[in-house]
Amino acid sequence: PPSVSISLVPSSSQPGPGRLLCSVMDFYPAAIQVRWFQGQQELSVLATDVVPNGDWTYQLLVLLETPPQRGLTYSCQ
């Protein structure tokens, strides 16, 4: 089954806590849209191309462009 995980990736080039990464793994078919939200507001992201795993499933990584702020709620959808 597909899986989604969120992790904090340290940034060597930017100050602050790093960036939030949404990893979407083992999904099929390849057509997918993944977005980051802070509350109801959609945020800017950097995304990889959809990558085939070689077993008919795919993976996608979507990185939030701005560092997360303490006290706010973020979601990957």
PDB file of N, CA and C in Angstrom:
ATOM      1  N   PRO A   1       0.824  -1.204   0.000  1.00  0.00           N
ATOM      2  CA  PRO A   1       0.000   0.000   0.000  1.00  0.00           C
ATOM      3  C   PRO A   1       0.861   1.259   0.000  1.00  0.00           C
ATOM      4  N   PRO A   2       0.345   2.362  -0.491  1.00  0.00           N
ATOM      5  CA  PRO A   2       1.104   3.615  -0.483  1.00  0.00           C
ATOM      6  C   PRO A   2       1.416   4.056   0.946  1.00  0.00           C
ATOM      7  N   SER A   3       2.508   4.785   1.103  1.00  0.00           N
ATOM      8  CA  SER A   3       2.849   5.331   2.415  1.00  0.00           C
ATOM      9  C   SER A   3       3.278   6.781   2.266  1.00  0.00           C
ATOM     10  N   VAL A   4       3.009   7.572   3.291  1.00  0.00           N
ATOM     11  CA  VAL A   4       3.391   8.980   3.324  1.00  0.00           C
ATOM     12  C   VAL A   4       4.115   9.227   4.637  1.00  0.00           C
ATOM     13  N   SER A   5       5.262   9.883   4.564  1.00  0.00           N
ATOM     14  CA  SER A   5       5.966  10.253   5.792  1.00  0.00           C
ATOM     15  C   SER A   5       6.445  11.693   5.676  1.00  0.00           C
ATOM     16  N   ILE A   6       6.514  12.355   6.812  1.00  0.00           N
ATOM     17  CA  ILE A   6       6.990  13.733   6.882  1.00  0.00           C
ATOM     18  C   ILE A   6       8.223  13.749   7.763  1.00  0.00           C
ATOM     19  N   SER A   7       9.275  14.413   7.273  1.00  0.00           N
ATOM     20  CA  SER A   7      10.506  14.494   8.049  1.00  0.00           C
ATOM     21  C   SER A   7      11.072  15.905   7.958  1.00  0.00           C
ATOM     22  N   LEU A   8      11.939  16.235   8.893  1.00  0.00           N
ATOM     23  CA  LEU A   8      12.616  17.523   8.910  1.00  0.00           C
ATOM     24  C   LEU A   8      14.024  17.320   8.366  1.00  0.00           C
ATOM     25  N   VAL A   9      14.334  18.034   7.284  1.00  0.00           N
ATOM     26  CA  VAL A   9      15.625  17.889   6.620  1.00  0.00           C
ATOM     27  C   VAL A   9      16.486  19.102   6.966  1.00  0.00           C
ATOM     28  N   PRO A  10      17.650  18.898   7.575  1.00  0.00           N
ATOM     29  CA  PRO A  10      18.526  20.030   7.890  1.00  0.00           C
ATOM     30  C   PRO A  10      18.976  20.733   6.611  1.00  0.00           C
ATOM     31  N   SER A  11      19.142  22.045   6.692  1.00  0.00           N
ATOM     32  CA  SER A  11      19.595  22.822   5.539  1.00  0.00           C
ATOM     33  C   SER A  11      20.948  23.430   5.863  1.00  0.00           C
ATOM     34  N   SER A  12      21.944  23.122   5.049  1.00  0.00           N
ATOM     35  CA  SER A  12      23.279  23.672   5.281  1.00  0.00           C
ATOM     36  C   SER A  12      23.387  25.097   4.747  1.00  0.00           C
ATOM     37  N   SER A  13      22.511  25.471   3.794  1.00  0.00           N
ATOM     38  CA  SER A  13      22.623  26.783   3.167  1.00  0.00           C
ATOM     39  C   SER A  13      21.689  27.826   3.772  1.00  0.00           C
ATOM     40  N   GLN A  14      20.732  27.412   4.598  1.00  0.00           N
ATOM     41  CA  GLN A  14      19.758  28.339   5.171  1.00  0.00           C
ATOM     42  C   GLN A  14      19.791  28.241   6.695  1.00  0.00           C
ATOM     43  N   PRO A  15      19.659  29.382   7.374  1.00  0.00           N
ATOM     44  CA  PRO A  15      19.547  29.317   8.837  1.00  0.00           C
ATOM     45  C   PRO A  15      18.189  28.764   9.243  1.00  0.00           C
ATOM     46  N   GLY A  16      18.075  28.347  10.478  1.00  0.00           N
ATOM     47  CA  GLY A  16      16.786  27.881  10.967  1.00  0.00           C
ATOM     48  C   GLY A  16      16.725  26.378  11.105  1.00  0.00           C
ATOM     49  N   PRO A  17      15.520  25.869  11.336  1.00  0.00           N
ATOM     50  CA  PRO A  17      15.357  24.458  11.696  1.00  0.00           C
ATOM     51  C   PRO A  17      15.482  23.477  10.539  1.00  0.00           C
ATOM     52  N   GLY A  18      15.514  23.953   9.305  1.00  0.00           N
ATOM     53  CA  GLY A  18      15.551  23.053   8.159  1.00  0.00           C
ATOM     54  C   GLY A  18      14.264  23.153   7.370  1.00  0.00           C
ATOM     55  N   ARG A  19      13.986  22.117   6.585  1.00  0.00           N
ATOM     56  CA  ARG A  19      12.803  22.115   5.727  1.00  0.00           C
ATOM     57  C   ARG A  19      11.999  20.845   5.976  1.00  0.00           C
ATOM     58  N   LEU A  20      10.690  20.939   5.793  1.00  0.00           N
ATOM     59  CA  LEU A  20       9.826  19.772   5.908  1.00  0.00           C
ATOM     60  C   LEU A  20       9.774  19.045   4.569  1.00  0.00           C
ATOM     61  N   LEU A  21       9.941  17.729   4.628  1.00  0.00           N
ATOM     62  CA  LEU A  21       9.931  16.886   3.438  1.00  0.00           C
ATOM     63  C   LEU A  21       8.786  15.888   3.545  1.00  0.00           C
ATOM     64  N   CYS A  22       7.972  15.833   2.502  1.00  0.00           N
ATOM     65  CA  CYS A  22       6.887  14.861   2.417  1.00  0.00           C
ATOM     66  C   CYS A  22       7.312  13.791   1.409  1.00  0.00           C
ATOM     67  N   SER A  23       7.450  12.564   1.874  1.00  0.00           N
ATOM     68  CA  SER A  23       7.850  11.438   1.022  1.00  0.00           C
ATOM     69  C   SER A  23       6.633  10.559   0.778  1.00  0.00           C
ATOM     70  N   VAL A  24       6.264  10.411  -0.484  1.00  0.00           N
ATOM     71  CA  VAL A  24       5.120   9.579  -0.863  1.00  0.00           C
ATOM     72  C   VAL A  24       5.688   8.384  -1.619  1.00  0.00           C
ATOM     73  N   MET A  25       5.480   7.185  -1.088  1.00  0.00           N
ATOM     74  CA  MET A  25       6.136   5.992  -1.619  1.00  0.00           C
ATOM     75  C   MET A  25       5.127   4.920  -2.017  1.00  0.00           C
ATOM     76  N   ASP A  26       5.532   4.113  -2.990  1.00  0.00           N
ATOM     77  CA  ASP A  26       4.811   2.883  -3.364  1.00  0.00           C
ATOM     78  C   ASP A  26       3.373   3.132  -3.809  1.00  0.00           C
ATOM     79  N   PHE A  27       3.167   4.184  -4.627  1.00  0.00           N
ATOM     80  CA  PHE A  27       1.817   4.433  -5.135  1.00  0.00           C
ATOM     81  C   PHE A  27       1.720   4.042  -6.611  1.00  0.00           C
ATOM     82  N   TYR A  28       0.504   3.767  -7.047  1.00  0.00           N
ATOM     83  CA  TYR A  28       0.187   3.433  -8.432  1.00  0.00           C
ATOM     84  C   TYR A  28      -1.264   3.816  -8.661  1.00  0.00           C
ATOM     85  N   PRO A  29      -1.589   4.430  -9.774  1.00  0.00           N
ATOM     86  CA  PRO A  29      -0.755   4.807 -10.917  1.00  0.00           C
ATOM     87  C   PRO A  29       0.115   6.031 -10.616  1.00  0.00           C
ATOM     88  N   ALA A  30       0.887   6.442 -11.624  1.00  0.00           N
ATOM     89  CA  ALA A  30       1.879   7.496 -11.427  1.00  0.00           C
ATOM     90  C   ALA A  30       1.266   8.886 -11.278  1.00  0.00           C
ATOM     91  N   ALA A  31       0.057   9.094 -11.775  1.00  0.00           N
ATOM     92  CA  ALA A  31      -0.571  10.419 -11.705  1.00  0.00           C
ATOM     93  C   ALA A  31      -0.919  10.745 -10.253  1.00  0.00           C
ATOM     94  N   ILE A  32      -0.288  11.795  -9.725  1.00  0.00           N
ATOM     95  CA  ILE A  32      -0.500  12.166  -8.324  1.00  0.00           C
ATOM     96  C   ILE A  32      -0.232  13.657  -8.172  1.00  0.00           C
ATOM     97  N   GLN A  33      -0.924  14.280  -7.239  1.00  0.00           N
ATOM     98  CA  GLN A  33      -0.670  15.673  -6.893  1.00  0.00           C
ATOM     99  C   GLN A  33      -0.477  15.740  -5.385  1.00  0.00           C
ATOM    100  N   VAL A  34       0.668  16.246  -4.961  1.00  0.00           N
ATOM    101  CA  VAL A  34       0.985  16.365  -3.534  1.00  0.00           C
ATOM    102  C   VAL A  34       1.251  17.836  -3.246  1.00  0.00           C
ATOM    103  N   ARG A  35       0.596  18.363  -2.214  1.00  0.00           N
ATOM    104  CA  ARG A  35       0.736  19.778  -1.883  1.00  0.00           C
ATOM    105  C   ARG A  35       0.966  19.942  -0.383  1.00  0.00           C
ATOM    106  N   TRP A  36       1.657  21.020  -0.024  1.00  0.00           N
ATOM    107  CA  TRP A  36       1.863  21.403   1.371  1.00  0.00           C
ATOM    108  C   TRP A  36       0.921  22.542   1.721  1.00  0.00           C
ATOM    109  N   PHE A  37       0.362  22.486   2.931  1.00  0.00           N
ATOM    110  CA  PHE A  37      -0.507  23.546   3.427  1.00  0.00           C
ATOM    111  C   PHE A  37      -0.063  23.971   4.819  1.00  0.00           C
ATOM    112  N   GLN A  38      -0.238  25.260   5.103  1.00  0.00           N
ATOM    113  CA  GLN A  38      -0.127  25.784   6.467  1.00  0.00           C
ATOM    114  C   GLN A  38      -1.523  26.282   6.783  1.00  0.00           C
ATOM    115  N   GLY A  39      -2.228  25.535   7.624  1.00  0.00           N
ATOM    116  CA  GLY A  39      -3.653  25.790   7.807  1.00  0.00           C
ATOM    117  C   GLY A  39      -4.370  25.486   6.498  1.00  0.00           C
ATOM    118  N   GLN A  40      -5.085  26.475   5.960  1.00  0.00           N
ATOM    119  CA  GLN A  40      -5.789  26.303   4.681  1.00  0.00           C
ATOM    120  C   GLN A  40      -5.004  26.867   3.500  1.00  0.00           C
ATOM    121  N   GLN A  41      -3.844  27.476   3.759  1.00  0.00           N
ATOM    122  CA  GLN A  41      -3.084  28.150   2.709  1.00  0.00           C
ATOM    123  C   GLN A  41      -2.091  27.199   2.051  1.00  0.00           C
ATOM    124  N   GLU A  42      -2.172  27.100   0.718  1.00  0.00           N
ATOM    125  CA  GLU A  42      -1.214  26.269  -0.018  1.00  0.00           C
ATOM    126  C   GLU A  42       0.131  26.983  -0.070  1.00  0.00           C
ATOM    127  N   LEU A  43       1.211  26.234   0.082  1.00  0.00           N
ATOM    128  CA  LEU A  43       2.559  26.794   0.161  1.00  0.00           C
ATOM    129  C   LEU A  43       3.403  26.398  -1.046  1.00  0.00           C
ATOM    130  N   SER A  44       4.473  27.163  -1.280  1.00  0.00           N
ATOM    131  CA  SER A  44       5.401  26.867  -2.376  1.00  0.00           C
ATOM    132  C   SER A  44       6.256  25.659  -2.029  1.00  0.00           C
ATOM    133  N   VAL A  45       6.485  24.823  -3.032  1.00  0.00           N
ATOM    134  CA  VAL A  45       7.245  23.591  -2.810  1.00  0.00           C
ATOM    135  C   VAL A  45       8.268  23.370  -3.915  1.00  0.00           C
ATOM    136  N   LEU A  46       9.209  22.507  -3.618  1.00  0.00           N
ATOM    137  CA  LEU A  46      10.117  21.937  -4.605  1.00  0.00           C
ATOM    138  C   LEU A  46       9.822  20.449  -4.642  1.00  0.00           C
ATOM    139  N   ALA A  47       9.650  19.903  -5.843  1.00  0.00           N
ATOM    140  CA  ALA A  47       9.279  18.488  -5.948  1.00  0.00           C
ATOM    141  C   ALA A  47      10.173  17.777  -6.951  1.00  0.00           C
ATOM    142  N   THR A  48      10.444  16.515  -6.669  1.00  0.00           N
ATOM    143  CA  THR A  48      11.132  15.679  -7.643  1.00  0.00           C
ATOM    144  C   THR A  48      10.122  15.262  -8.708  1.00  0.00           C
ATOM    145  N   ASP A  49      10.619  14.719  -9.793  1.00  0.00           N
ATOM    146  CA  ASP A  49       9.740  14.046 -10.735  1.00  0.00           C
ATOM    147  C   ASP A  49       9.250  12.766 -10.070  1.00  0.00           C
ATOM    148  N   VAL A  50       8.131  12.250 -10.551  1.00  0.00           N
ATOM    149  CA  VAL A  50       7.668  10.945 -10.081  1.00  0.00           C
ATOM    150  C   VAL A  50       8.681   9.909 -10.563  1.00  0.00           C
ATOM    151  N   VAL A  51       9.185   9.093  -9.639  1.00  0.00           N
ATOM    152  CA  VAL A  51      10.253   8.134  -9.941  1.00  0.00           C
ATOM    153  C   VAL A  51       9.702   6.715  -9.861  1.00  0.00           C
ATOM    154  N   PRO A  52       9.907   5.905 -10.918  1.00  0.00           N
ATOM    155  CA  PRO A  52       9.460   4.509 -10.843  1.00  0.00           C
ATOM    156  C   PRO A  52      10.354   3.699  -9.913  1.00  0.00           C
ATOM    157  N   ASN A  53       9.753   2.796  -9.145  1.00  0.00           N
ATOM    158  CA  ASN A  53      10.497   1.916  -8.243  1.00  0.00           C
ATOM    159  C   ASN A  53      10.964   0.640  -8.924  1.00  0.00           C
ATOM    160  N   GLY A  54      10.443   0.352 -10.121  1.00  0.00           N
ATOM    161  CA  GLY A  54      10.818  -0.871 -10.821  1.00  0.00           C
ATOM    162  C   GLY A  54       9.875  -2.026 -10.559  1.00  0.00           C
ATOM    163  N   ASP A  55       8.856  -1.803  -9.718  1.00  0.00           N
ATOM    164  CA  ASP A  55       7.894  -2.876  -9.417  1.00  0.00           C
ATOM    165  C   ASP A  55       6.465  -2.406  -9.702  1.00  0.00           C
ATOM    166  N   TRP A  56       6.328  -1.483 -10.647  1.00  0.00           N
ATOM    167  CA  TRP A  56       5.048  -0.890 -11.052  1.00  0.00           C
ATOM    168  C   TRP A  56       4.550   0.158 -10.065  1.00  0.00           C
ATOM    169  N   THR A  57       5.302   0.450  -9.010  1.00  0.00           N
ATOM    170  CA  THR A  57       4.921   1.526  -8.097  1.00  0.00           C
ATOM    171  C   THR A  57       5.878   2.701  -8.285  1.00  0.00           C
ATOM    172  N   TYR A  58       5.524   3.823  -7.685  1.00  0.00           N
ATOM    173  CA  TYR A  58       6.270   5.064  -7.879  1.00  0.00           C
ATOM    174  C   TYR A  58       6.523   5.743  -6.541  1.00  0.00           C
ATOM    175  N   GLN A  59       7.434   6.747  -6.574  1.00  0.00           N
ATOM    176  CA  GLN A  59       7.696   7.554  -5.388  1.00  0.00           C
ATOM    177  C   GLN A  59       7.871   9.014  -5.786  1.00  0.00           C
ATOM    178  N   LEU A  60       7.637   9.901  -4.825  1.00  0.00           N
ATOM    179  CA  LEU A  60       7.725  11.338  -5.056  1.00  0.00           C
ATOM    180  C   LEU A  60       8.152  12.007  -3.756  1.00  0.00           C
ATOM    181  N   LEU A  61       9.060  12.980  -3.851  1.00  0.00           N
ATOM    182  CA  LEU A  61       9.501  13.763  -2.698  1.00  0.00           C
ATOM    183  C   LEU A  61       9.089  15.215  -2.923  1.00  0.00           C
ATOM    184  N   VAL A  62       8.458  15.821  -1.923  1.00  0.00           N
ATOM    185  CA  VAL A  62       7.992  17.205  -2.033  1.00  0.00           C
ATOM    186  C   VAL A  62       8.507  17.979  -0.821  1.00  0.00           C
ATOM    187  N   LEU A  63       9.350  18.977  -1.081  1.00  0.00           N
ATOM    188  CA  LEU A  63      10.018  19.746  -0.035  1.00  0.00           C
ATOM    189  C   LEU A  63       9.366  21.116   0.102  1.00  0.00           C
ATOM    190  N   LEU A  64       9.016  21.488   1.321  1.00  0.00           N
ATOM    191  CA  LEU A  64       8.479  22.818   1.591  1.00  0.00           C
ATOM    192  C   LEU A  64       9.606  23.827   1.405  1.00  0.00           C
ATOM    193  N   GLU A  65       9.372  24.895   0.613  1.00  0.00           N
ATOM    194  CA  GLU A  65      10.441  25.849   0.295  1.00  0.00           C
ATOM    195  C   GLU A  65      10.872  26.693   1.486  1.00  0.00           C
ATOM    196  N   THR A  66       9.949  27.004   2.388  1.00  0.00           N
ATOM    197  CA  THR A  66      10.273  27.876   3.514  1.00  0.00           C
ATOM    198  C   THR A  66      10.378  27.065   4.804  1.00  0.00           C
ATOM    199  N   PRO A  67      11.202  27.509   5.745  1.00  0.00           N
ATOM    200  CA  PRO A  67      11.323  26.775   7.007  1.00  0.00           C
ATOM    201  C   PRO A  67      10.008  26.819   7.783  1.00  0.00           C
ATOM    202  N   PRO A  68       9.687  25.749   8.494  1.00  0.00           N
ATOM    203  CA  PRO A  68       8.473  25.754   9.310  1.00  0.00           C
ATOM    204  C   PRO A  68       8.630  26.713  10.490  1.00  0.00           C
ATOM    205  N   GLN A  69       7.510  27.266  10.924  1.00  0.00           N
ATOM    206  CA  GLN A  69       7.513  28.174  12.073  1.00  0.00           C
ATOM    207  C   GLN A  69       6.860  27.487  13.265  1.00  0.00           C
ATOM    208  N   ARG A  70       7.449  27.673  14.421  1.00  0.00           N
ATOM    209  CA  ARG A  70       6.936  27.073  15.653  1.00  0.00           C
ATOM    210  C   ARG A  70       5.502  27.545  15.909  1.00  0.00           C
ATOM    211  N   GLY A  71       4.650  26.609  16.314  1.00  0.00           N
ATOM    212  CA  GLY A  71       3.282  26.949  16.673  1.00  0.00           C
ATOM    213  C   GLY A  71       2.291  26.876  15.527  1.00  0.00           C
ATOM    214  N   LEU A  72       2.768  26.707  14.302  1.00  0.00           N
ATOM    215  CA  LEU A  72       1.870  26.605  13.151  1.00  0.00           C
ATOM    216  C   LEU A  72       1.696  25.142  12.764  1.00  0.00           C
ATOM    217  N   THR A  73       0.580  24.838  12.120  1.00  0.00           N
ATOM    218  CA  THR A  73       0.278  23.470  11.709  1.00  0.00           C
ATOM    219  C   THR A  73       0.477  23.335  10.207  1.00  0.00           C
ATOM    220  N   TYR A  74       1.234  22.319   9.815  1.00  0.00           N
ATOM    221  CA  TYR A  74       1.513  22.056   8.401  1.00  0.00           C
ATOM    222  C   TYR A  74       0.963  20.686   8.038  1.00  0.00           C
ATOM    223  N   SER A  75       0.512  20.566   6.791  1.00  0.00           N
ATOM    224  CA  SER A  75       0.025  19.266   6.328  1.00  0.00           C
ATOM    225  C   SER A  75       0.458  19.033   4.894  1.00  0.00           C
ATOM    226  N   CYS A  76       0.713  17.784   4.611  1.00  0.00           N
ATOM    227  CA  CYS A  76       1.058  17.327   3.267  1.00  0.00           C
ATOM    228  C   CYS A  76      -0.153  16.540   2.775  1.00  0.00           C
ATOM    229  N   GLN A  77      -0.709  16.952   1.646  1.00  0.00           N
ATOM    230  CA  GLN A  77      -1.920  16.302   1.125  1.00  0.00           C
ATOM    231  C   GLN A  77      -1.736  15.934  -0.330  1.00  0.00           C
TER     232      GLN A  77
END
